[in-house]
Amino acid sequence: MIVGLTGGIGSGKTTVAKMFKELGVPVYNSDEEAKRLMNTSKKVINAITKLFGPQAYINTKLNSADIAKKVFENKELLLKLNAIVHPEVRKHFLTWMKKQHYPYVIQETALIFENSSPNFYDKIILITAPMNKRIQRVKNRDGISKKSILSRMENQWNDSAKIPLSDFVVENINLAVTKSKIRKIHQCLLKYS
């Protein structure tokens, strides 16, 4: 069974993913894999260089700050970048999934609904948090401005649109409460699988 774990920037997806890992669930981090592919896959590197020009890479490393700035200011560029990276991540995920021997796997990914891919998942877990908490978390984690954070949030659906399409919704404010909810969802998913 494939379970999608999603939520807006700063909601705490990665924290929740760690909770599932602690329960022994195989978890695939799509962001990490996308970053790896953008730095190692010749096919992806060539396509990104063609899209953004030679300044997309500095000393063979992705110039992520420059690319992030460009894509969050230009939705069309973001869509083109996603069209390069997402199919490769999906391919890698499917290969990884076949090697797992557990009743279910989790794919942690920010853009399930935005990429029109909810049908790929058997169940979807949405992590939410109040806007001010999310902004503070991202500021602390990435050291970027509120303006930058809000521009990234504009590329993601609001929670109110995602909630009716999700099987489980966890408001991630208090870690102990979140952990308890995750254990309950885990038991539930084991019954489904």
N, C-alpha and C. Protein backbone atom coordinates (compact mmCIF):
# COMPACT_ATOMS: atom_id res chain seq x y z
N MET A 1 0.85 -1.18 0.00
CA MET A 1 0.00 0.00 0.00
C MET A 1 0.90 1.25 0.00
N ILE A 2 0.55 2.23 -0.83
CA ILE A 2 1.32 3.46 -0.92
C ILE A 2 0.56 4.57 -0.21
N VAL A 3 1.23 5.18 0.77
CA VAL A 3 0.63 6.26 1.55
C VAL A 3 1.38 7.55 1.25
N GLY A 4 0.66 8.57 0.86
CA GLY A 4 1.26 9.87 0.62
C GLY A 4 1.23 10.69 1.90
N LEU A 5 2.35 11.29 2.24
CA LEU A 5 2.45 12.17 3.40
C LEU A 5 2.74 13.57 2.87
N THR A 6 1.81 14.49 3.08
CA THR A 6 1.95 15.81 2.48
C THR A 6 1.59 16.90 3.47
N GLY A 7 1.85 18.12 3.07
CA GLY A 7 1.54 19.28 3.89
C GLY A 7 2.33 20.46 3.37
N GLY A 8 1.86 21.65 3.65
CA GLY A 8 2.52 22.85 3.17
C GLY A 8 3.88 23.05 3.83
N ILE A 9 4.66 23.96 3.26
CA ILE A 9 5.98 24.29 3.80
C ILE A 9 5.85 24.69 5.27
N GLY A 10 6.69 24.08 6.13
CA GLY A 10 6.68 24.41 7.55
C GLY A 10 5.62 23.69 8.37
N SER A 11 4.87 22.78 7.75
CA SER A 11 3.82 22.07 8.50
C SER A 11 4.41 21.00 9.42
N GLY A 12 5.58 20.49 9.06
CA GLY A 12 6.23 19.46 9.89
C GLY A 12 6.19 18.08 9.28
N LYS A 13 6.12 17.99 7.94
CA LYS A 13 6.10 16.68 7.25
C LYS A 13 7.29 15.82 7.64
N THR A 14 8.48 16.43 7.64
CA THR A 14 9.70 15.66 7.90
C THR A 14 9.71 15.15 9.34
N THR A 15 9.22 15.95 10.27
CA THR A 15 9.12 15.52 11.67
C THR A 15 8.19 14.32 11.78
N VAL A 16 7.06 14.39 11.10
CA VAL A 16 6.10 13.29 11.12
C VAL A 16 6.68 12.05 10.41
N ALA A 17 7.40 12.28 9.31
CA ALA A 17 8.03 11.16 8.59
C ALA A 17 8.98 10.41 9.53
N LYS A 18 9.72 11.15 10.36
CA LYS A 18 10.64 10.51 11.32
C LYS A 18 9.86 9.65 12.32
N MET A 19 8.67 10.12 12.71
CA MET A 19 7.84 9.35 13.65
C MET A 19 7.44 8.01 13.02
N PHE A 20 7.09 8.03 11.73
CA PHE A 20 6.75 6.78 11.04
C PHE A 20 7.98 5.88 10.93
N LYS A 21 9.14 6.46 10.65
CA LYS A 21 10.39 5.67 10.57
C LYS A 21 10.66 4.97 11.90
N GLU A 22 10.43 5.71 13.01
CA GLU A 22 10.64 5.12 14.34
C GLU A 22 9.72 3.92 14.58
N LEU A 23 8.58 3.90 13.89
CA LEU A 23 7.65 2.77 14.01
C LEU A 23 8.02 1.64 13.05
N GLY A 24 9.10 1.83 12.29
CA GLY A 24 9.58 0.79 11.38
C GLY A 24 9.04 0.88 9.96
N VAL A 25 8.33 1.97 9.66
CA VAL A 25 7.73 2.13 8.33
C VAL A 25 8.78 2.66 7.34
N PRO A 26 8.90 2.05 6.16
CA PRO A 26 9.81 2.59 5.15
C PRO A 26 9.27 3.94 4.64
N VAL A 27 10.11 4.97 4.70
CA VAL A 27 9.71 6.32 4.29
C VAL A 27 10.64 6.82 3.19
N TYR A 28 10.03 7.34 2.14
CA TYR A 28 10.78 7.87 0.99
C TYR A 28 10.63 9.39 1.00
N ASN A 29 11.74 10.11 1.05
CA ASN A 29 11.71 11.57 1.07
C ASN A 29 11.90 12.10 -0.35
N SER A 30 10.83 12.57 -0.96
CA SER A 30 10.88 13.02 -2.35
C SER A 30 11.77 14.23 -2.55
N ASP A 31 11.78 15.17 -1.59
CA ASP A 31 12.63 16.36 -1.69
C ASP A 31 14.10 15.98 -1.74
N GLU A 32 14.51 15.09 -0.84
CA GLU A 32 15.92 14.66 -0.80
C GLU A 32 16.29 13.98 -2.12
N GLU A 33 15.39 13.13 -2.60
CA GLU A 33 15.67 12.43 -3.85
C GLU A 33 15.74 13.39 -5.02
N ALA A 34 14.84 14.38 -5.06
CA ALA A 34 14.86 15.38 -6.13
C ALA A 34 16.20 16.13 -6.12
N LYS A 35 16.67 16.53 -4.93
CA LYS A 35 17.95 17.24 -4.82
C LYS A 35 19.09 16.35 -5.31
N ARG A 36 19.04 15.06 -4.92
CA ARG A 36 20.09 14.13 -5.34
C ARG A 36 20.11 14.01 -6.86
N LEU A 37 18.93 13.81 -7.46
CA LEU A 37 18.84 13.66 -8.92
C LEU A 37 19.30 14.92 -9.66
N MET A 38 18.98 16.09 -9.10
CA MET A 38 19.37 17.35 -9.75
C MET A 38 20.88 17.54 -9.72
N ASN A 39 21.57 16.78 -8.86
CA ASN A 39 23.02 16.89 -8.78
C ASN A 39 23.76 15.69 -9.37
N THR A 40 23.04 14.61 -9.69
CA THR A 40 23.74 13.40 -10.15
C THR A 40 23.25 12.84 -11.48
N SER A 41 22.00 13.07 -11.84
CA SER A 41 21.45 12.48 -13.07
C SER A 41 21.82 13.35 -14.28
N LYS A 42 22.58 12.76 -15.21
CA LYS A 42 22.98 13.51 -16.42
C LYS A 42 21.77 14.04 -17.17
N LYS A 43 20.74 13.20 -17.26
CA LYS A 43 19.51 13.57 -17.97
C LYS A 43 18.87 14.82 -17.33
N VAL A 44 18.76 14.81 -16.00
CA VAL A 44 18.15 15.92 -15.26
C VAL A 44 19.05 17.16 -15.34
N ILE A 45 20.34 16.98 -15.14
CA ILE A 45 21.29 18.11 -15.19
C ILE A 45 21.24 18.80 -16.55
N ASN A 46 21.23 18.00 -17.63
CA ASN A 46 21.18 18.57 -18.99
C ASN A 46 19.89 19.36 -19.21
N ALA A 47 18.77 18.79 -18.76
CA ALA A 47 17.48 19.46 -18.95
C ALA A 47 17.41 20.76 -18.14
N ILE A 48 17.93 20.75 -16.91
CA ILE A 48 17.92 21.95 -16.07
C ILE A 48 18.84 23.02 -16.66
N THR A 49 20.00 22.60 -17.15
CA THR A 49 20.94 23.55 -17.77
C THR A 49 20.32 24.17 -19.02
N LYS A 50 19.60 23.36 -19.76
CA LYS A 50 18.93 23.86 -20.98
C LYS A 50 17.85 24.89 -20.59
N LEU A 51 17.15 24.63 -19.50
CA LEU A 51 16.06 25.51 -19.06
C LEU A 51 16.59 26.81 -18.43
N PHE A 52 17.62 26.71 -17.59
CA PHE A 52 18.08 27.88 -16.82
C PHE A 52 19.40 28.48 -17.31
N GLY A 53 20.08 27.77 -18.20
CA GLY A 53 21.37 28.27 -18.68
C GLY A 53 22.52 27.73 -17.83
N PRO A 54 23.77 28.01 -18.25
CA PRO A 54 24.95 27.43 -17.57
C PRO A 54 25.09 27.85 -16.11
N GLN A 55 24.49 28.98 -15.71
CA GLN A 55 24.58 29.43 -14.30
C GLN A 55 23.73 28.56 -13.36
N ALA A 56 23.00 27.58 -13.91
CA ALA A 56 22.20 26.67 -13.08
C ALA A 56 23.10 25.80 -12.19
N TYR A 57 24.36 25.61 -12.62
CA TYR A 57 25.31 24.81 -11.84
C TYR A 57 26.59 25.60 -11.64
N ILE A 58 27.11 25.55 -10.42
CA ILE A 58 28.39 26.18 -10.10
C ILE A 58 29.31 25.08 -9.58
N ASN A 59 30.44 24.89 -10.25
CA ASN A 59 31.37 23.80 -9.89
C ASN A 59 30.63 22.46 -9.80
N THR A 60 29.84 22.16 -10.80
CA THR A 60 29.04 20.92 -10.93
C THR A 60 27.99 20.72 -9.83
N LYS A 61 27.74 21.73 -9.01
CA LYS A 61 26.69 21.65 -7.99
C LYS A 61 25.53 22.56 -8.38
N LEU A 62 24.32 22.09 -8.16
CA LEU A 62 23.12 22.88 -8.47
C LEU A 62 23.17 24.22 -7.73
N ASN A 63 22.91 25.29 -8.45
CA ASN A 63 22.86 26.63 -7.87
C ASN A 63 21.43 26.83 -7.34
N SER A 64 21.12 26.13 -6.25
CA SER A 64 19.73 26.06 -5.78
C SER A 64 19.16 27.40 -5.35
N ALA A 65 19.99 28.28 -4.78
CA ALA A 65 19.48 29.59 -4.34
C ALA A 65 18.98 30.39 -5.56
N ASP A 66 19.76 30.38 -6.62
CA ASP A 66 19.40 31.12 -7.84
C ASP A 66 18.15 30.52 -8.49
N ILE A 67 18.11 29.19 -8.57
CA ILE A 67 16.96 28.52 -9.19
C ILE A 67 15.70 28.73 -8.36
N ALA A 68 15.82 28.62 -7.04
CA ALA A 68 14.65 28.82 -6.16
C ALA A 68 14.08 30.22 -6.36
N LYS A 69 14.96 31.21 -6.40
CA LYS A 69 14.53 32.60 -6.60
C LYS A 69 13.76 32.73 -7.92
N LYS A 70 14.29 32.12 -8.98
CA LYS A 70 13.66 32.22 -10.31
C LYS A 70 12.30 31.52 -10.36
N VAL A 71 12.24 30.30 -9.83
CA VAL A 71 10.99 29.54 -9.95
C VAL A 71 9.88 30.07 -9.05
N PHE A 72 10.26 30.66 -7.90
CA PHE A 72 9.21 31.17 -7.04
C PHE A 72 8.71 32.54 -7.50
N GLU A 73 9.42 33.13 -8.46
CA GLU A 73 8.95 34.38 -9.06
C GLU A 73 8.24 34.13 -10.40
N ASN A 74 8.36 32.90 -10.92
CA ASN A 74 7.83 32.59 -12.24
C ASN A 74 7.20 31.19 -12.24
N LYS A 75 5.86 31.16 -12.16
CA LYS A 75 5.15 29.87 -12.05
C LYS A 75 5.42 28.96 -13.25
N GLU A 76 5.56 29.56 -14.44
CA GLU A 76 5.79 28.76 -15.64
C GLU A 76 7.13 28.02 -15.56
N LEU A 77 8.15 28.71 -15.05
CA LEU A 77 9.46 28.06 -14.86
C LEU A 77 9.37 26.94 -13.84
N LEU A 78 8.61 27.16 -12.76
CA LEU A 78 8.42 26.15 -11.73
C LEU A 78 7.77 24.90 -12.32
N LEU A 79 6.74 25.10 -13.15
CA LEU A 79 6.07 23.96 -13.79
C LEU A 79 7.02 23.20 -14.70
N LYS A 80 7.87 23.94 -15.42
CA LYS A 80 8.84 23.29 -16.32
C LYS A 80 9.89 22.50 -15.53
N LEU A 81 10.34 23.08 -14.41
CA LEU A 81 11.31 22.38 -13.56
C LEU A 81 10.67 21.11 -12.99
N ASN A 82 9.44 21.23 -12.50
CA ASN A 82 8.73 20.06 -11.96
C ASN A 82 8.55 18.97 -13.01
N ALA A 83 8.30 19.39 -14.25
CA ALA A 83 8.12 18.42 -15.35
C ALA A 83 9.41 17.66 -15.65
N ILE A 84 10.55 18.25 -15.31
CA ILE A 84 11.84 17.57 -15.50
C ILE A 84 12.09 16.61 -14.34
N VAL A 85 11.89 17.12 -13.12
CA VAL A 85 12.32 16.37 -11.93
C VAL A 85 11.31 15.33 -11.45
N HIS A 86 10.02 15.68 -11.42
CA HIS A 86 9.03 14.78 -10.82
C HIS A 86 8.91 13.40 -11.47
N PRO A 87 8.93 13.30 -12.81
CA PRO A 87 8.86 11.94 -13.39
C PRO A 87 10.05 11.07 -12.99
N GLU A 88 11.22 11.69 -12.84
CA GLU A 88 12.42 10.93 -12.45
C GLU A 88 12.33 10.48 -11.00
N VAL A 89 11.77 11.35 -10.14
CA VAL A 89 11.57 10.98 -8.73
C VAL A 89 10.56 9.83 -8.65
N ARG A 90 9.47 9.92 -9.43
CA ARG A 90 8.45 8.87 -9.43
C ARG A 90 9.05 7.52 -9.84
N LYS A 91 9.88 7.55 -10.88
CA LYS A 91 10.54 6.33 -11.37
C LYS A 91 11.41 5.73 -10.26
N HIS A 92 12.19 6.57 -9.61
CA HIS A 92 13.07 6.11 -8.53
C HIS A 92 12.25 5.58 -7.36
N PHE A 93 11.16 6.26 -7.02
CA PHE A 93 10.30 5.83 -5.91
C PHE A 93 9.76 4.42 -6.19
N LEU A 94 9.28 4.17 -7.41
CA LEU A 94 8.70 2.87 -7.75
C LEU A 94 9.74 1.75 -7.64
N THR A 95 10.97 2.05 -8.04
CA THR A 95 12.06 1.07 -7.92
C THR A 95 12.35 0.81 -6.44
N TRP A 96 12.44 1.89 -5.66
CA TRP A 96 12.69 1.77 -4.21
C TRP A 96 11.58 0.97 -3.53
N MET A 97 10.32 1.27 -3.90
CA MET A 97 9.16 0.63 -3.27
C MET A 97 9.18 -0.89 -3.44
N LYS A 98 9.60 -1.35 -4.62
CA LYS A 98 9.63 -2.80 -4.89
C LYS A 98 10.59 -3.54 -3.97
N LYS A 99 11.56 -2.81 -3.40
CA LYS A 99 12.56 -3.44 -2.53
C LYS A 99 12.11 -3.46 -1.06
N GLN A 100 10.96 -2.84 -0.76
CA GLN A 100 10.49 -2.76 0.63
C GLN A 100 9.62 -3.97 0.96
N HIS A 101 9.75 -4.45 2.19
CA HIS A 101 8.97 -5.61 2.63
C HIS A 101 8.21 -5.23 3.90
N TYR A 102 7.22 -4.40 3.74
CA TYR A 102 6.43 -3.91 4.87
C TYR A 102 5.00 -3.76 4.36
N PRO A 103 3.99 -3.83 5.24
CA PRO A 103 2.61 -3.72 4.75
C PRO A 103 2.32 -2.44 3.97
N TYR A 104 3.03 -1.36 4.30
CA TYR A 104 2.83 -0.11 3.54
C TYR A 104 4.11 0.71 3.53
N VAL A 105 4.20 1.62 2.56
CA VAL A 105 5.33 2.56 2.49
C VAL A 105 4.76 3.98 2.47
N ILE A 106 5.59 4.92 2.90
CA ILE A 106 5.19 6.32 2.89
C ILE A 106 6.07 7.09 1.92
N GLN A 107 5.43 7.89 1.08
CA GLN A 107 6.18 8.82 0.24
C GLN A 107 5.90 10.22 0.79
N GLU A 108 6.94 10.84 1.33
CA GLU A 108 6.83 12.21 1.84
C GLU A 108 7.02 13.15 0.65
N THR A 109 5.99 13.92 0.35
CA THR A 109 6.06 14.82 -0.81
C THR A 109 5.15 16.02 -0.60
N ALA A 110 5.64 17.19 -0.95
CA ALA A 110 4.89 18.43 -0.68
C ALA A 110 3.71 18.64 -1.62
N LEU A 111 3.80 18.15 -2.84
CA LEU A 111 2.85 18.59 -3.87
C LEU A 111 1.96 17.49 -4.44
N ILE A 112 1.30 16.73 -3.61
CA ILE A 112 0.42 15.66 -4.10
C ILE A 112 -0.76 16.25 -4.89
N PHE A 113 -1.42 17.23 -4.31
CA PHE A 113 -2.63 17.78 -4.95
C PHE A 113 -2.26 18.75 -6.08
N GLU A 114 -1.22 19.54 -5.85
CA GLU A 114 -0.78 20.52 -6.85
C GLU A 114 -0.33 19.83 -8.13
N ASN A 115 0.20 18.60 -8.01
CA ASN A 115 0.66 17.86 -9.19
C ASN A 115 -0.40 16.91 -9.74
N SER A 116 -1.62 17.03 -9.26
CA SER A 116 -2.73 16.18 -9.70
C SER A 116 -2.40 14.70 -9.60
N SER A 117 -1.76 14.31 -8.49
CA SER A 117 -1.41 12.89 -8.37
C SER A 117 -2.03 12.18 -7.16
N PRO A 118 -3.17 12.66 -6.61
CA PRO A 118 -3.71 11.95 -5.44
C PRO A 118 -4.13 10.51 -5.74
N ASN A 119 -4.49 10.21 -6.98
CA ASN A 119 -4.94 8.85 -7.33
C ASN A 119 -3.82 7.83 -7.29
N PHE A 120 -2.58 8.29 -7.26
CA PHE A 120 -1.43 7.39 -7.18
C PHE A 120 -1.36 6.72 -5.80
N TYR A 121 -1.95 7.36 -4.79
CA TYR A 121 -1.84 6.89 -3.41
C TYR A 121 -3.08 6.15 -2.95
N ASP A 122 -2.85 5.11 -2.13
CA ASP A 122 -3.98 4.37 -1.54
C ASP A 122 -4.60 5.19 -0.40
N LYS A 123 -3.76 5.90 0.34
CA LYS A 123 -4.21 6.78 1.43
C LYS A 123 -3.34 8.02 1.44
N ILE A 124 -3.91 9.13 1.92
CA ILE A 124 -3.15 10.38 2.01
C ILE A 124 -3.27 10.94 3.43
N ILE A 125 -2.10 11.28 4.00
CA ILE A 125 -2.04 11.92 5.31
C ILE A 125 -1.63 13.37 5.08
N LEU A 126 -2.43 14.29 5.57
CA LEU A 126 -2.13 15.72 5.44
C LEU A 126 -1.70 16.26 6.80
N ILE A 127 -0.55 16.92 6.81
CA ILE A 127 -0.05 17.57 8.03
C ILE A 127 -0.34 19.06 7.91
N THR A 128 -0.97 19.62 8.94
CA THR A 128 -1.30 21.05 8.92
C THR A 128 -0.71 21.72 10.17
N ALA A 129 -0.63 23.02 10.12
CA ALA A 129 -0.22 23.84 11.28
C ALA A 129 -0.66 25.26 10.99
N PRO A 130 -0.88 26.06 12.04
CA PRO A 130 -1.28 27.45 11.81
C PRO A 130 -0.20 28.20 11.01
N MET A 131 -0.64 29.13 10.16
CA MET A 131 0.24 29.89 9.27
C MET A 131 1.42 30.53 10.01
N ASN A 132 1.15 31.20 11.15
CA ASN A 132 2.24 31.89 11.86
C ASN A 132 3.30 30.91 12.36
N LYS A 133 2.85 29.72 12.79
CA LYS A 133 3.77 28.68 13.25
C LYS A 133 4.62 28.16 12.08
N ARG A 134 3.98 27.96 10.94
CA ARG A 134 4.69 27.48 9.75
C ARG A 134 5.76 28.48 9.31
N ILE A 135 5.40 29.76 9.29
CA ILE A 135 6.34 30.80 8.87
C ILE A 135 7.54 30.82 9.83
N GLN A 136 7.26 30.76 11.13
CA GLN A 136 8.34 30.78 12.12
C GLN A 136 9.26 29.58 11.97
N ARG A 137 8.68 28.40 11.75
CA ARG A 137 9.49 27.18 11.57
C ARG A 137 10.43 27.32 10.38
N VAL A 138 9.91 27.82 9.27
CA VAL A 138 10.73 27.94 8.05
C VAL A 138 11.81 29.00 8.23
N LYS A 139 11.45 30.11 8.89
CA LYS A 139 12.45 31.15 9.19
C LYS A 139 13.59 30.55 10.00
N ASN A 140 13.25 29.80 11.04
CA ASN A 140 14.26 29.18 11.91
C ASN A 140 15.09 28.15 11.15
N ARG A 141 14.44 27.36 10.30
CA ARG A 141 15.11 26.27 9.59
C ARG A 141 15.99 26.77 8.45
N ASP A 142 15.43 27.68 7.62
CA ASP A 142 16.12 28.08 6.38
C ASP A 142 16.74 29.47 6.43
N GLY A 143 16.38 30.24 7.46
CA GLY A 143 16.92 31.59 7.57
C GLY A 143 16.52 32.50 6.41
N ILE A 144 15.30 32.31 5.90
CA ILE A 144 14.84 33.15 4.78
C ILE A 144 13.75 34.12 5.26
N SER A 145 13.50 35.12 4.45
CA SER A 145 12.55 36.17 4.84
C SER A 145 11.11 35.68 4.77
N LYS A 146 10.24 36.40 5.49
CA LYS A 146 8.81 36.09 5.47
C LYS A 146 8.27 36.22 4.04
N LYS A 147 8.75 37.23 3.31
CA LYS A 147 8.32 37.44 1.92
C LYS A 147 8.63 36.21 1.06
N SER A 148 9.85 35.67 1.22
CA SER A 148 10.26 34.46 0.48
C SER A 148 9.37 33.27 0.83
N ILE A 149 9.09 33.14 2.11
CA ILE A 149 8.26 32.01 2.58
C ILE A 149 6.86 32.13 1.98
N LEU A 150 6.29 33.34 2.05
CA LEU A 150 4.94 33.55 1.51
C LEU A 150 4.89 33.30 0.01
N SER A 151 5.96 33.65 -0.70
CA SER A 151 5.96 33.41 -2.15
C SER A 151 6.00 31.91 -2.45
N ARG A 152 6.68 31.13 -1.60
CA ARG A 152 6.68 29.66 -1.77
C ARG A 152 5.31 29.08 -1.43
N MET A 153 4.69 29.65 -0.40
CA MET A 153 3.36 29.17 0.00
C MET A 153 2.32 29.41 -1.09
N GLU A 154 2.52 30.46 -1.87
CA GLU A 154 1.58 30.77 -2.96
C GLU A 154 1.53 29.68 -4.02
N ASN A 155 2.60 28.86 -4.10
CA ASN A 155 2.65 27.78 -5.08
C ASN A 155 2.03 26.49 -4.54
N GLN A 156 1.53 26.54 -3.31
CA GLN A 156 0.90 25.36 -2.71
C GLN A 156 -0.57 25.66 -2.43
N TRP A 157 -1.39 24.63 -2.50
CA TRP A 157 -2.80 24.80 -2.18
C TRP A 157 -2.95 25.14 -0.70
N ASN A 158 -4.06 25.81 -0.38
CA ASN A 158 -4.41 26.05 1.03
C ASN A 158 -4.86 24.73 1.65
N ASP A 159 -4.65 24.61 2.97
CA ASP A 159 -5.09 23.40 3.68
C ASP A 159 -6.58 23.15 3.51
N SER A 160 -7.37 24.23 3.46
CA SER A 160 -8.83 24.07 3.34
C SER A 160 -9.22 23.32 2.06
N ALA A 161 -8.39 23.43 1.02
CA ALA A 161 -8.67 22.70 -0.23
C ALA A 161 -8.18 21.25 -0.14
N LYS A 162 -7.13 21.01 0.66
CA LYS A 162 -6.54 19.66 0.76
C LYS A 162 -7.30 18.76 1.75
N ILE A 163 -7.85 19.36 2.80
CA ILE A 163 -8.47 18.57 3.88
C ILE A 163 -9.54 17.60 3.36
N PRO A 164 -10.51 18.06 2.53
CA PRO A 164 -11.55 17.11 2.10
C PRO A 164 -11.03 15.99 1.20
N LEU A 165 -9.82 16.16 0.64
CA LEU A 165 -9.25 15.16 -0.26
C LEU A 165 -8.30 14.20 0.45
N SER A 166 -8.10 14.41 1.76
CA SER A 166 -7.14 13.60 2.53
C SER A 166 -7.88 12.57 3.38
N ASP A 167 -7.22 11.43 3.62
CA ASP A 167 -7.80 10.37 4.44
C ASP A 167 -7.58 10.63 5.93
N PHE A 168 -6.44 11.24 6.25
CA PHE A 168 -6.10 11.56 7.64
C PHE A 168 -5.56 12.99 7.67
N VAL A 169 -5.95 13.75 8.67
CA VAL A 169 -5.45 15.12 8.84
C VAL A 169 -4.89 15.24 10.25
N VAL A 170 -3.63 15.69 10.34
CA VAL A 170 -2.98 15.84 11.64
C VAL A 170 -2.54 17.29 11.78
N GLU A 171 -3.11 17.97 12.79
CA GLU A 171 -2.63 19.33 13.07
C GLU A 171 -1.40 19.20 13.96
N ASN A 172 -0.27 19.64 13.43
CA ASN A 172 1.02 19.43 14.09
C ASN A 172 1.44 20.67 14.85
N ILE A 173 0.98 20.77 16.12
CA ILE A 173 1.37 21.90 16.97
C ILE A 173 2.17 21.37 18.15
N ASN A 174 1.61 20.36 18.83
CA ASN A 174 2.23 19.78 20.01
C ASN A 174 2.80 18.41 19.62
N LEU A 175 4.12 18.23 19.76
CA LEU A 175 4.77 17.00 19.30
C LEU A 175 4.23 15.73 19.96
N ALA A 176 3.94 15.80 21.25
CA ALA A 176 3.43 14.61 21.95
C ALA A 176 2.06 14.22 21.40
N VAL A 177 1.22 15.20 21.15
CA VAL A 177 -0.12 14.95 20.59
C VAL A 177 0.02 14.39 19.17
N THR A 178 0.91 14.99 18.39
CA THR A 178 1.14 14.53 17.01
C THR A 178 1.61 13.08 17.01
N LYS A 179 2.56 12.76 17.90
CA LYS A 179 3.10 11.40 17.97
C LYS A 179 2.00 10.39 18.29
N SER A 180 1.10 10.75 19.19
CA SER A 180 0.00 9.87 19.57
C SER A 180 -0.94 9.66 18.37
N LYS A 181 -1.22 10.74 17.62
CA LYS A 181 -2.08 10.62 16.43
C LYS A 181 -1.42 9.73 15.38
N ILE A 182 -0.10 9.86 15.22
CA ILE A 182 0.63 9.07 14.23
C ILE A 182 0.56 7.58 14.58
N ARG A 183 0.68 7.26 15.87
CA ARG A 183 0.57 5.85 16.28
C ARG A 183 -0.80 5.28 15.94
N LYS A 184 -1.85 6.10 16.14
CA LYS A 184 -3.22 5.65 15.81
C LYS A 184 -3.37 5.44 14.30
N ILE A 185 -2.85 6.37 13.52
CA ILE A 185 -2.93 6.26 12.05
C ILE A 185 -2.15 5.02 11.59
N HIS A 186 -1.00 4.78 12.20
CA HIS A 186 -0.17 3.61 11.88
C HIS A 186 -0.97 2.32 12.09
N GLN A 187 -1.65 2.21 13.23
CA GLN A 187 -2.47 1.02 13.52
C GLN A 187 -3.57 0.87 12.49
N CYS A 188 -4.17 1.97 12.14
CA CYS A 188 -5.24 2.01 11.14
C CYS A 188 -4.71 1.52 9.78
N LEU A 189 -3.54 2.01 9.37
CA LEU A 189 -2.97 1.64 8.06
C LEU A 189 -2.59 0.17 8.04
N LEU A 190 -2.12 -0.35 9.16
CA LEU A 190 -1.79 -1.79 9.22
C LEU A 190 -3.05 -2.63 9.00
N LYS A 191 -4.20 -2.16 9.48
CA LYS A 191 -5.45 -2.89 9.29
C LYS A 191 -5.87 -2.86 7.81
N TYR A 192 -5.65 -1.72 7.14
CA TYR A 192 -6.04 -1.60 5.73
C TYR A 192 -5.19 -2.47 4.83
N SER A 193 -3.90 -2.61 5.18
CA SER A 193 -2.96 -3.25 4.24
C SER A 193 -3.02 -4.76 4.27
